[in-house]
């Protein structure tokens, strides 16, 4: 994934944690493990908003729909 500063907002770790609905520890761990795109600005670390949304989308699991299958009935 490439970062485009003209179209993407850079989030602080706290703002990213808010989008993840977690503590700041989770996005910091993602950065440490290099599991999410981030930008270093001097000593500061910022996470592109698109990277947070992509990370969430990659972990989204769609429900399974069973057709013609009846649950709870013995055959």
PDB file of N, CA and C in Angstrom:
ATOM      1  N   UNK A   1       0.843  -1.166   0.000  1.00  0.00           N
ATOM      2  CA  UNK A   1       0.000   0.000   0.000  1.00  0.00           C
ATOM      3  C   UNK A   1       0.890   1.230   0.000  1.00  0.00           C
ATOM      4  N   UNK A   2       0.547   2.204  -0.795  1.00  0.00           N
ATOM      5  CA  UNK A   2       1.312   3.439  -0.828  1.00  0.00           C
ATOM      6  C   UNK A   2       0.520   4.542  -0.161  1.00  0.00           C
ATOM      7  N   UNK A   3       1.227   5.442   0.443  1.00  0.00           N
ATOM      8  CA  UNK A   3       0.624   6.546   1.163  1.00  0.00           C
ATOM      9  C   UNK A   3       0.632   7.786   0.283  1.00  0.00           C
ATOM     10  N   UNK A   4      -0.513   8.407   0.124  1.00  0.00           N
ATOM     11  CA  UNK A   4      -0.633   9.642  -0.647  1.00  0.00           C
ATOM     12  C   UNK A   4      -1.033  10.764   0.306  1.00  0.00           C
ATOM     13  N   UNK A   5      -0.092  11.646   0.675  1.00  0.00           N
ATOM     14  CA  UNK A   5      -0.395  12.688   1.658  1.00  0.00           C
ATOM     15  C   UNK A   5      -1.463  13.680   1.210  1.00  0.00           C
ATOM     16  N   UNK A   6      -1.724  13.755  -0.089  1.00  0.00           N
ATOM     17  CA  UNK A   6      -2.754  14.681  -0.564  1.00  0.00           C
ATOM     18  C   UNK A   6      -4.156  14.162  -0.288  1.00  0.00           C
ATOM     19  N   UNK A   7      -4.288  12.849  -0.144  1.00  0.00           N
ATOM     20  CA  UNK A   7      -5.620  12.269   0.008  1.00  0.00           C
ATOM     21  C   UNK A   7      -5.826  11.543   1.333  1.00  0.00           C
ATOM     22  N   UNK A   8      -4.767  11.370   2.105  1.00  0.00           N
ATOM     23  CA  UNK A   8      -4.850  10.535   3.300  1.00  0.00           C
ATOM     24  C   UNK A   8      -4.464  11.327   4.537  1.00  0.00           C
ATOM     25  N   UNK A   9      -5.271  11.211   5.562  1.00  0.00           N
ATOM     26  CA  UNK A   9      -5.006  11.894   6.818  1.00  0.00           C
ATOM     27  C   UNK A   9      -4.073  11.043   7.675  1.00  0.00           C
ATOM     28  N   UNK A  10      -3.104  11.662   8.308  1.00  0.00           N
ATOM     29  CA  UNK A  10      -2.208  10.949   9.215  1.00  0.00           C
ATOM     30  C   UNK A  10      -2.784  11.008  10.627  1.00  0.00           C
ATOM     31  N   UNK A  11      -2.915   9.846  11.243  1.00  0.00           N
ATOM     32  CA  UNK A  11      -3.500   9.747  12.575  1.00  0.00           C
ATOM     33  C   UNK A  11      -2.423   9.535  13.628  1.00  0.00           C
ATOM     34  N   UNK A  12      -2.650  10.088  14.796  1.00  0.00           N
ATOM     35  CA  UNK A  12      -1.787   9.770  15.928  1.00  0.00           C
ATOM     36  C   UNK A  12      -2.123   8.353  16.375  1.00  0.00           C
ATOM     37  N   UNK A  13      -1.293   7.806  17.246  1.00  0.00           N
ATOM     38  CA  UNK A  13      -1.566   6.466  17.776  1.00  0.00           C
ATOM     39  C   UNK A  13      -2.896   6.481  18.534  1.00  0.00           C
ATOM     40  N   UNK A  14      -3.154   7.547  19.261  1.00  0.00           N
ATOM     41  CA  UNK A  14      -4.412   7.657  20.011  1.00  0.00           C
ATOM     42  C   UNK A  14      -5.614   7.685  19.075  1.00  0.00           C
ATOM     43  N   UNK A  15      -5.513   8.423  17.967  1.00  0.00           N
ATOM     44  CA  UNK A  15      -6.619   8.487  17.005  1.00  0.00           C
ATOM     45  C   UNK A  15      -6.830   7.132  16.325  1.00  0.00           C
ATOM     46  N   UNK A  16      -5.740   6.445  16.007  1.00  0.00           N
ATOM     47  CA  UNK A  16      -5.852   5.109  15.409  1.00  0.00           C
ATOM     48  C   UNK A  16      -6.510   4.153  16.398  1.00  0.00           C
ATOM     49  N   UNK A  17      -6.116   4.228  17.653  1.00  0.00           N
ATOM     50  CA  UNK A  17      -6.714   3.373  18.693  1.00  0.00           C
ATOM     51  C   UNK A  17      -8.210   3.629  18.800  1.00  0.00           C
ATOM     52  N   UNK A  18      -8.606   4.879  18.644  1.00  0.00           N
ATOM     53  CA  UNK A  18     -10.033   5.214  18.689  1.00  0.00           C
ATOM     54  C   UNK A  18     -10.778   4.561  17.531  1.00  0.00           C
ATOM     55  N   UNK A  19     -10.192   4.573  16.326  1.00  0.00           N
ATOM     56  CA  UNK A  19     -10.829   3.915  15.183  1.00  0.00           C
ATOM     57  C   UNK A  19     -10.906   2.400  15.388  1.00  0.00           C
ATOM     58  N   UNK A  20      -9.855   1.833  15.987  1.00  0.00           N
ATOM     59  CA  UNK A  20      -9.849   0.398  16.278  1.00  0.00           C
ATOM     60  C   UNK A  20     -10.756   0.058  17.459  1.00  0.00           C
ATOM     61  N   UNK A  21     -11.125   1.084  18.230  1.00  0.00           N
ATOM     62  CA  UNK A  21     -11.897   0.891  19.457  1.00  0.00           C
ATOM     63  C   UNK A  21     -11.101   0.034  20.454  1.00  0.00           C
ATOM     64  N   UNK A  22      -9.816   0.373  20.599  1.00  0.00           N
ATOM     65  CA  UNK A  22      -8.914  -0.334  21.509  1.00  0.00           C
ATOM     66  C   UNK A  22      -8.108   0.695  22.294  1.00  0.00           C
ATOM     67  N   UNK A  23      -7.205   0.184  23.117  1.00  0.00           N
ATOM     68  CA  UNK A  23      -6.262   1.067  23.793  1.00  0.00           C
ATOM     69  C   UNK A  23      -5.131   1.403  22.829  1.00  0.00           C
ATOM     70  N   UNK A  24      -4.269   2.332  23.211  1.00  0.00           N
ATOM     71  CA  UNK A  24      -3.134   2.716  22.364  1.00  0.00           C
ATOM     72  C   UNK A  24      -2.128   1.584  22.219  1.00  0.00           C
ATOM     73  N   UNK A  25      -2.162   0.643  23.105  1.00  0.00           N
ATOM     74  CA  UNK A  25      -1.210  -0.468  23.056  1.00  0.00           C
ATOM     75  C   UNK A  25      -1.346  -1.288  21.764  1.00  0.00           C
ATOM     76  N   UNK A  26      -2.572  -1.477  21.288  1.00  0.00           N
ATOM     77  CA  UNK A  26      -2.790  -2.294  20.090  1.00  0.00           C
ATOM     78  C   UNK A  26      -2.136  -1.694  18.841  1.00  0.00           C
ATOM     79  N   UNK A  27      -2.406  -0.424  18.488  1.00  0.00           N
ATOM     80  CA  UNK A  27      -1.724   0.115  17.304  1.00  0.00           C
ATOM     81  C   UNK A  27      -0.204   0.202  17.485  1.00  0.00           C
ATOM     82  N   UNK A  28       0.265   0.442  18.700  1.00  0.00           N
ATOM     83  CA  UNK A  28       1.715   0.449  18.941  1.00  0.00           C
ATOM     84  C   UNK A  28       2.318  -0.926  18.669  1.00  0.00           C
ATOM     85  N   UNK A  29       1.589  -1.985  19.049  1.00  0.00           N
ATOM     86  CA  UNK A  29       2.062  -3.340  18.784  1.00  0.00           C
ATOM     87  C   UNK A  29       2.073  -3.631  17.280  1.00  0.00           C
ATOM     88  N   UNK A  30       1.050  -3.170  16.577  1.00  0.00           N
ATOM     89  CA  UNK A  30       1.015  -3.345  15.119  1.00  0.00           C
ATOM     90  C   UNK A  30       2.214  -2.664  14.464  1.00  0.00           C
ATOM     91  N   UNK A  31       2.561  -1.488  14.947  1.00  0.00           N
ATOM     92  CA  UNK A  31       3.713  -0.764  14.412  1.00  0.00           C
ATOM     93  C   UNK A  31       4.996  -1.531  14.724  1.00  0.00           C
ATOM     94  N   UNK A  32       5.140  -1.952  15.958  1.00  0.00           N
ATOM     95  CA  UNK A  32       6.350  -2.670  16.373  1.00  0.00           C
ATOM     96  C   UNK A  32       6.553  -3.943  15.565  1.00  0.00           C
ATOM     97  N   UNK A  33       5.461  -4.656  15.295  1.00  0.00           N
ATOM     98  CA  UNK A  33       5.533  -5.907  14.543  1.00  0.00           C
ATOM     99  C   UNK A  33       5.502  -5.679  13.028  1.00  0.00           C
ATOM    100  N   UNK A  34       5.456  -4.410  12.605  1.00  0.00           N
ATOM    101  CA  UNK A  34       5.418  -4.046  11.176  1.00  0.00           C
ATOM    102  C   UNK A  34       4.219  -4.684  10.463  1.00  0.00           C
ATOM    103  N   UNK A  35       3.069  -4.690  11.141  1.00  0.00           N
ATOM    104  CA  UNK A  35       1.856  -5.277  10.577  1.00  0.00           C
ATOM    105  C   UNK A  35       0.940  -4.224   9.977  1.00  0.00           C
ATOM    106  N   UNK A  36       1.312  -2.945  10.107  1.00  0.00           N
ATOM    107  CA  UNK A  36       0.518  -1.856   9.559  1.00  0.00           C
ATOM    108  C   UNK A  36       1.478  -0.794   9.013  1.00  0.00           C
ATOM    109  N   UNK A  37       1.041  -0.104   7.978  1.00  0.00           N
ATOM    110  CA  UNK A  37       1.840   0.972   7.395  1.00  0.00           C
ATOM    111  C   UNK A  37       1.880   2.138   8.371  1.00  0.00           C
ATOM    112  N   UNK A  38       3.056   2.728   8.542  1.00  0.00           N
ATOM    113  CA  UNK A  38       3.166   3.907   9.385  1.00  0.00           C
ATOM    114  C   UNK A  38       4.212   4.848   8.813  1.00  0.00           C
ATOM    115  N   UNK A  39       4.190   6.090   9.288  1.00  0.00           N
ATOM    116  CA  UNK A  39       5.092   7.132   8.814  1.00  0.00           C
ATOM    117  C   UNK A  39       5.825   7.703  10.016  1.00  0.00           C
ATOM    118  N   UNK A  40       7.131   7.849   9.888  1.00  0.00           N
ATOM    119  CA  UNK A  40       7.920   8.499  10.932  1.00  0.00           C
ATOM    120  C   UNK A  40       8.131   9.958  10.533  1.00  0.00           C
ATOM    121  N   UNK A  41       7.820  10.846  11.455  1.00  0.00           N
ATOM    122  CA  UNK A  41       8.053  12.274  11.267  1.00  0.00           C
ATOM    123  C   UNK A  41       8.924  12.693  12.453  1.00  0.00           C
ATOM    124  N   UNK A  42      10.225  12.682  12.220  1.00  0.00           N
ATOM    125  CA  UNK A  42      11.145  12.903  13.334  1.00  0.00           C
ATOM    126  C   UNK A  42      11.028  11.740  14.299  1.00  0.00           C
ATOM    127  N   UNK A  43      10.711  12.034  15.534  1.00  0.00           N
ATOM    128  CA  UNK A  43      10.523  10.971  16.532  1.00  0.00           C
ATOM    129  C   UNK A  43       9.066  10.542  16.644  1.00  0.00           C
ATOM    130  N   UNK A  44       8.197  11.233  15.965  1.00  0.00           N
ATOM    131  CA  UNK A  44       6.759  10.935  16.014  1.00  0.00           C
ATOM    132  C   UNK A  44       6.400   9.843  15.024  1.00  0.00           C
ATOM    133  N   UNK A  45       5.357   9.108  15.356  1.00  0.00           N
ATOM    134  CA  UNK A  45       4.851   8.060  14.465  1.00  0.00           C
ATOM    135  C   UNK A  45       3.408   8.399  14.137  1.00  0.00           C
ATOM    136  N   UNK A  46       3.075   8.321  12.856  1.00  0.00           N
ATOM    137  CA  UNK A  46       1.705   8.552  12.407  1.00  0.00           C
ATOM    138  C   UNK A  46       1.274   7.390  11.536  1.00  0.00           C
ATOM    139  N   UNK A  47      -0.019   7.110  11.568  1.00  0.00           N
ATOM    140  CA  UNK A  47      -0.581   5.999  10.798  1.00  0.00           C
ATOM    141  C   UNK A  47      -1.583   6.572   9.804  1.00  0.00           C
ATOM    142  N   UNK A  48      -1.404   6.289   8.512  1.00  0.00           N
ATOM    143  CA  UNK A  48      -2.384   6.767   7.526  1.00  0.00           C
ATOM    144  C   UNK A  48      -3.768   6.167   7.819  1.00  0.00           C
ATOM    145  N   UNK A  49      -4.781   6.996   7.729  1.00  0.00           N
ATOM    146  CA  UNK A  49      -6.148   6.535   7.996  1.00  0.00           C
ATOM    147  C   UNK A  49      -6.516   5.367   7.074  1.00  0.00           C
ATOM    148  N   UNK A  50      -6.050   5.415   5.828  1.00  0.00           N
ATOM    149  CA  UNK A  50      -6.348   4.326   4.892  1.00  0.00           C
ATOM    150  C   UNK A  50      -5.733   3.005   5.354  1.00  0.00           C
ATOM    151  N   UNK A  51      -4.586   3.061   6.038  1.00  0.00           N
ATOM    152  CA  UNK A  51      -3.942   1.845   6.544  1.00  0.00           C
ATOM    153  C   UNK A  51      -4.778   1.217   7.658  1.00  0.00           C
ATOM    154  N   UNK A  52      -5.346   2.068   8.508  1.00  0.00           N
ATOM    155  CA  UNK A  52      -6.209   1.557   9.582  1.00  0.00           C
ATOM    156  C   UNK A  52      -7.452   0.902   8.974  1.00  0.00           C
ATOM    157  N   UNK A  53      -8.071   1.580   8.029  1.00  0.00           N
ATOM    158  CA  UNK A  53      -9.282   1.029   7.402  1.00  0.00           C
ATOM    159  C   UNK A  53      -8.970  -0.253   6.628  1.00  0.00           C
ATOM    160  N   UNK A  54      -7.819  -0.314   5.961  1.00  0.00           N
ATOM    161  CA  UNK A  54      -7.427  -1.526   5.232  1.00  0.00           C
ATOM    162  C   UNK A  54      -7.167  -2.682   6.190  1.00  0.00           C
ATOM    163  N   UNK A  55      -6.544  -2.378   7.335  1.00  0.00           N
ATOM    164  CA  UNK A  55      -6.274  -3.417   8.323  1.00  0.00           C
ATOM    165  C   UNK A  55      -7.585  -3.991   8.857  1.00  0.00           C
ATOM    166  N   UNK A  56      -8.522  -3.126   9.148  1.00  0.00           N
ATOM    167  CA  UNK A  56      -9.839  -3.570   9.631  1.00  0.00           C
ATOM    168  C   UNK A  56     -10.540  -4.394   8.561  1.00  0.00           C
ATOM    169  N   UNK A  57     -10.504  -3.927   7.316  1.00  0.00           N
ATOM    170  CA  UNK A  57     -11.167  -4.645   6.215  1.00  0.00           C
ATOM    171  C   UNK A  57     -10.541  -6.018   5.995  1.00  0.00           C
ATOM    172  N   UNK A  58      -9.221  -6.124   6.149  1.00  0.00           N
ATOM    173  CA  UNK A  58      -8.560  -7.411   5.921  1.00  0.00           C
ATOM    174  C   UNK A  58      -8.917  -8.433   6.986  1.00  0.00           C
ATOM    175  N   UNK A  59      -9.357  -7.970   8.153  1.00  0.00           N
ATOM    176  CA  UNK A  59      -9.731  -8.889   9.216  1.00  0.00           C
ATOM    177  C   UNK A  59     -11.219  -9.162   9.288  1.00  0.00           C
ATOM    178  N   UNK A  60     -11.987  -8.558   8.387  1.00  0.00           N
ATOM    179  CA  UNK A  60     -13.439  -8.737   8.394  1.00  0.00           C
ATOM    180  C   UNK A  60     -13.796 -10.118   7.857  1.00  0.00           C
ATOM    181  N   UNK A  61     -14.600 -10.822   8.621  1.00  0.00           N
ATOM    182  CA  UNK A  61     -15.034 -12.158   8.226  1.00  0.00           C
ATOM    183  C   UNK A  61     -16.528 -12.103   7.941  1.00  0.00           C
ATOM    184  N   UNK A  62     -16.899 -12.487   6.749  1.00  0.00           N
ATOM    185  CA  UNK A  62     -18.305 -12.490   6.348  1.00  0.00           C
ATOM    186  C   UNK A  62     -19.007 -13.719   6.932  1.00  0.00           C
ATOM    187  N   UNK A  63     -20.284 -13.596   7.268  1.00  0.00           N
ATOM    188  CA  UNK A  63     -21.009 -14.746   7.815  1.00  0.00           C
ATOM    189  C   UNK A  63     -21.249 -15.806   6.748  1.00  0.00           C
ATOM    190  N   UNK A  64     -21.333 -17.029   7.201  1.00  0.00           N
ATOM    191  CA  UNK A  64     -21.636 -18.146   6.303  1.00  0.00           C
ATOM    192  C   UNK A  64     -23.150 -18.310   6.272  1.00  0.00           C
ATOM    193  N   UNK A  65     -23.689 -18.398   5.082  1.00  0.00           N
ATOM    194  CA  UNK A  65     -25.120 -18.656   4.958  1.00  0.00           C
ATOM    195  C   UNK A  65     -25.289 -20.057   4.387  1.00  0.00           C
ATOM    196  N   UNK A  66     -26.058 -20.841   5.069  1.00  0.00           N
ATOM    197  CA  UNK A  66     -26.289 -22.219   4.644  1.00  0.00           C
ATOM    198  C   UNK A  66     -27.641 -22.291   3.947  1.00  0.00           C
ATOM    199  N   UNK A  67     -27.654 -22.861   2.776  1.00  0.00           N
ATOM    200  CA  UNK A  67     -28.898 -23.005   2.021  1.00  0.00           C
ATOM    201  C   UNK A  67     -29.398 -24.428   2.156  1.00  0.00           C
ATOM    202  N   UNK A  68     -30.657 -24.536   2.423  1.00  0.00           N
ATOM    203  CA  UNK A  68     -31.283 -25.859   2.472  1.00  0.00           C
ATOM    204  C   UNK A  68     -30.864 -26.696   3.665  1.00  0.00           C
ATOM    205  N   UNK A  69     -30.198 -26.084   4.609  1.00  0.00           N
ATOM    206  CA  UNK A  69     -29.744 -26.830   5.769  1.00  0.00           C
ATOM    207  C   UNK A  69     -30.568 -26.386   6.979  1.00  0.00           C
ATOM    208  N   UNK A  70     -31.176 -27.338   7.630  1.00  0.00           N
ATOM    209  CA  UNK A  70     -31.979 -27.021   8.796  1.00  0.00           C
ATOM    210  C   UNK A  70     -31.238 -27.422  10.059  1.00  0.00           C
ATOM    211  N   UNK A  71     -31.057 -26.481  10.900  1.00  0.00           N
ATOM    212  CA  UNK A  71     -30.333 -26.752  12.132  1.00  0.00           C
ATOM    213  C   UNK A  71     -31.282 -27.323  13.184  1.00  0.00           C
ATOM    214  N   UNK A  72     -30.762 -28.234  13.993  1.00  0.00           N
ATOM    215  CA  UNK A  72     -31.519 -28.740  15.116  1.00  0.00           C
ATOM    216  C   UNK A  72     -32.464 -29.890  14.794  1.00  0.00           C
ATOM    217  N   UNK A  73     -32.508 -30.350  13.568  1.00  0.00           N
ATOM    218  CA  UNK A  73     -33.391 -31.442  13.210  1.00  0.00           C
ATOM    219  C   UNK A  73     -32.598 -32.700  12.953  1.00  0.00           C
ATOM    220  N   UNK A  74     -33.064 -33.781  13.498  1.00  0.00           N
ATOM    221  CA  UNK A  74     -32.423 -35.068  13.257  1.00  0.00           C
ATOM    222  C   UNK A  74     -32.918 -35.628  11.934  1.00  0.00           C
ATOM    223  N   UNK A  75     -32.052 -36.255  11.223  1.00  0.00           N
ATOM    224  CA  UNK A  75     -32.423 -36.808   9.909  1.00  0.00           C
ATOM    225  C   UNK A  75     -32.953 -38.194  10.036  1.00  0.00           C
TER     226      UNK A  75
END
